[in-house]
């Protein structure tokens, strides 16, 4: 039960970071995000938080919730942190455009599932 509570908190952190990214990028084009350093780096930081929170989920949780590509999320975090000087800004924008809505849907479903179990 204790680990489940920690997983719930980590999922809430992921959801908060996704919502922050949508708030920061709302209605902005790739060019606008690229030119606004503060916005771009705020988004990148939130991606790091998503990756770190995903990494901190229990192995059991990740192993039983395989709809989410946890390995790829964690790998992106590691790449951003360790390869910060070669991060492709277009790829960051593609994550916003293509990957965050499905991830948000999964996280909401997982939180609902946990709520029903507690």
Protein backbone atom coordinates (compact mmCIF):
# COMPACT_ATOMS: atom_id res chain seq x y z
CA UNK A 1 0.00 0.00 0.00
CA UNK A 2 2.84 2.39 0.88
CA UNK A 3 4.46 1.98 -2.53
CA UNK A 4 1.10 2.48 -4.22
CA UNK A 5 0.78 5.83 -2.45
CA UNK A 6 4.24 6.80 -3.72
CA UNK A 7 3.29 5.73 -7.24
CA UNK A 8 0.13 7.83 -7.03
CA UNK A 9 2.18 10.89 -6.06
CA UNK A 10 4.57 10.31 -8.93
CA UNK A 11 1.70 9.98 -11.38
CA UNK A 12 0.31 13.25 -10.04
CA UNK A 13 3.70 14.89 -10.67
CA UNK A 14 3.66 13.60 -14.25
CA UNK A 15 0.15 14.94 -14.77
CA UNK A 16 1.11 18.33 -13.31
CA UNK A 17 4.13 18.54 -15.63
CA UNK A 18 2.03 17.64 -18.67
CA UNK A 19 -0.47 20.34 -17.73
CA UNK A 20 2.37 22.83 -17.25
CA UNK A 21 3.73 22.05 -20.72
CA UNK A 22 0.31 22.58 -22.27
CA UNK A 23 -0.01 25.88 -20.40
CA UNK A 24 3.46 27.04 -21.50
CA UNK A 25 3.00 26.01 -25.14
CA UNK A 26 -0.68 26.87 -25.55
CA UNK A 27 -1.28 28.08 -29.08
CA UNK A 28 2.42 28.62 -29.81
CA UNK A 29 4.11 27.48 -32.97
CA UNK A 30 7.45 25.69 -33.02
CA UNK A 31 9.13 28.95 -34.03
CA UNK A 32 7.57 30.85 -31.12
CA UNK A 33 8.66 28.22 -28.61
CA UNK A 34 12.14 28.04 -30.12
CA UNK A 35 12.58 31.82 -29.93
CA UNK A 36 11.24 32.13 -26.38
CA UNK A 37 14.11 30.71 -24.33
CA UNK A 38 12.24 30.84 -21.06
CA UNK A 39 9.28 28.96 -22.51
CA UNK A 40 11.48 26.38 -24.23
CA UNK A 41 13.57 25.62 -21.16
CA UNK A 42 10.49 25.53 -18.92
CA UNK A 43 9.07 22.86 -21.23
CA UNK A 44 12.34 20.93 -21.28
CA UNK A 45 12.47 20.99 -17.49
CA UNK A 46 8.95 19.61 -17.29
CA UNK A 47 9.98 16.78 -19.65
CA UNK A 48 12.83 16.00 -17.26
CA UNK A 49 10.36 15.89 -14.35
CA UNK A 50 8.11 13.52 -16.33
CA UNK A 51 11.07 11.25 -17.01
CA UNK A 52 12.32 11.35 -13.44
CA UNK A 53 8.89 10.67 -11.95
CA UNK A 54 8.44 7.80 -14.43
CA UNK A 55 11.78 6.37 -13.37
CA UNK A 56 10.79 6.61 -9.72
CA UNK A 57 7.58 4.61 -10.23
CA UNK A 58 7.89 1.13 -8.83
CA UNK A 59 9.04 -1.55 -11.24
CA UNK A 60 5.86 -3.46 -10.45
CA UNK A 61 3.72 -0.49 -11.51
CA UNK A 62 5.63 0.00 -14.77
CA UNK A 63 5.57 -3.74 -15.49
CA UNK A 64 1.79 -3.92 -15.03
CA UNK A 65 1.01 -0.73 -16.98
CA UNK A 66 2.68 -1.46 -20.29
CA UNK A 67 0.45 0.77 -22.40
CA UNK A 68 2.80 3.64 -21.53
CA UNK A 69 6.29 3.57 -23.08
CA UNK A 70 8.10 4.05 -19.76
CA UNK A 71 11.52 3.12 -21.14
CA UNK A 72 11.29 5.76 -23.88
CA UNK A 73 10.10 8.42 -21.43
CA UNK A 74 12.96 7.67 -19.04
CA UNK A 75 15.45 7.54 -21.93
CA UNK A 76 14.33 10.97 -23.12
CA UNK A 77 14.91 12.36 -19.63
CA UNK A 78 18.39 10.85 -19.58
CA UNK A 79 19.16 12.21 -23.03
CA UNK A 80 18.02 15.72 -22.08
CA UNK A 81 20.03 15.70 -18.87
CA UNK A 82 23.21 14.15 -20.27
CA UNK A 83 23.01 15.34 -23.87
CA UNK A 84 21.63 18.79 -23.09
CA UNK A 85 23.80 20.42 -25.74
CA UNK A 86 22.44 18.32 -28.61
CA UNK A 87 18.71 18.16 -27.82
CA UNK A 88 16.70 18.60 -31.01
CA UNK A 89 14.17 21.37 -30.43
CA UNK A 90 11.97 20.02 -33.20
CA UNK A 91 11.78 16.68 -31.36
CA UNK A 92 10.74 18.47 -28.17
CA UNK A 93 7.95 20.14 -30.14
CA UNK A 94 6.91 16.79 -31.63
CA UNK A 95 6.62 15.32 -28.14
CA UNK A 96 4.26 18.16 -27.21
CA UNK A 97 2.22 17.71 -30.37
CA UNK A 98 2.08 13.91 -30.53
CA UNK A 99 2.92 12.23 -27.25
CA UNK A 100 1.60 14.20 -24.32
CA UNK A 101 -2.14 13.80 -24.91
CA UNK A 102 -1.95 9.98 -25.02
CA UNK A 103 0.35 10.04 -21.98
CA UNK A 104 -2.07 12.30 -20.12
CA UNK A 105 -4.95 9.98 -20.96
CA UNK A 106 -2.99 7.01 -19.61
CA UNK A 107 -2.00 8.82 -16.43
CA UNK A 108 -5.59 9.88 -15.76
CA UNK A 109 -6.74 6.28 -16.26
CA UNK A 110 -4.04 4.99 -13.89
CA UNK A 111 -5.02 7.52 -11.22
CA UNK A 112 -8.67 6.56 -11.57
CA UNK A 113 -7.73 2.90 -11.28
CA UNK A 114 -5.79 3.64 -8.10
CA UNK A 115 -8.65 5.65 -6.68
CA UNK A 116 -10.96 2.68 -7.19
CA UNK A 117 -8.49 0.34 -5.47
CA UNK A 118 -7.98 2.47 -2.37
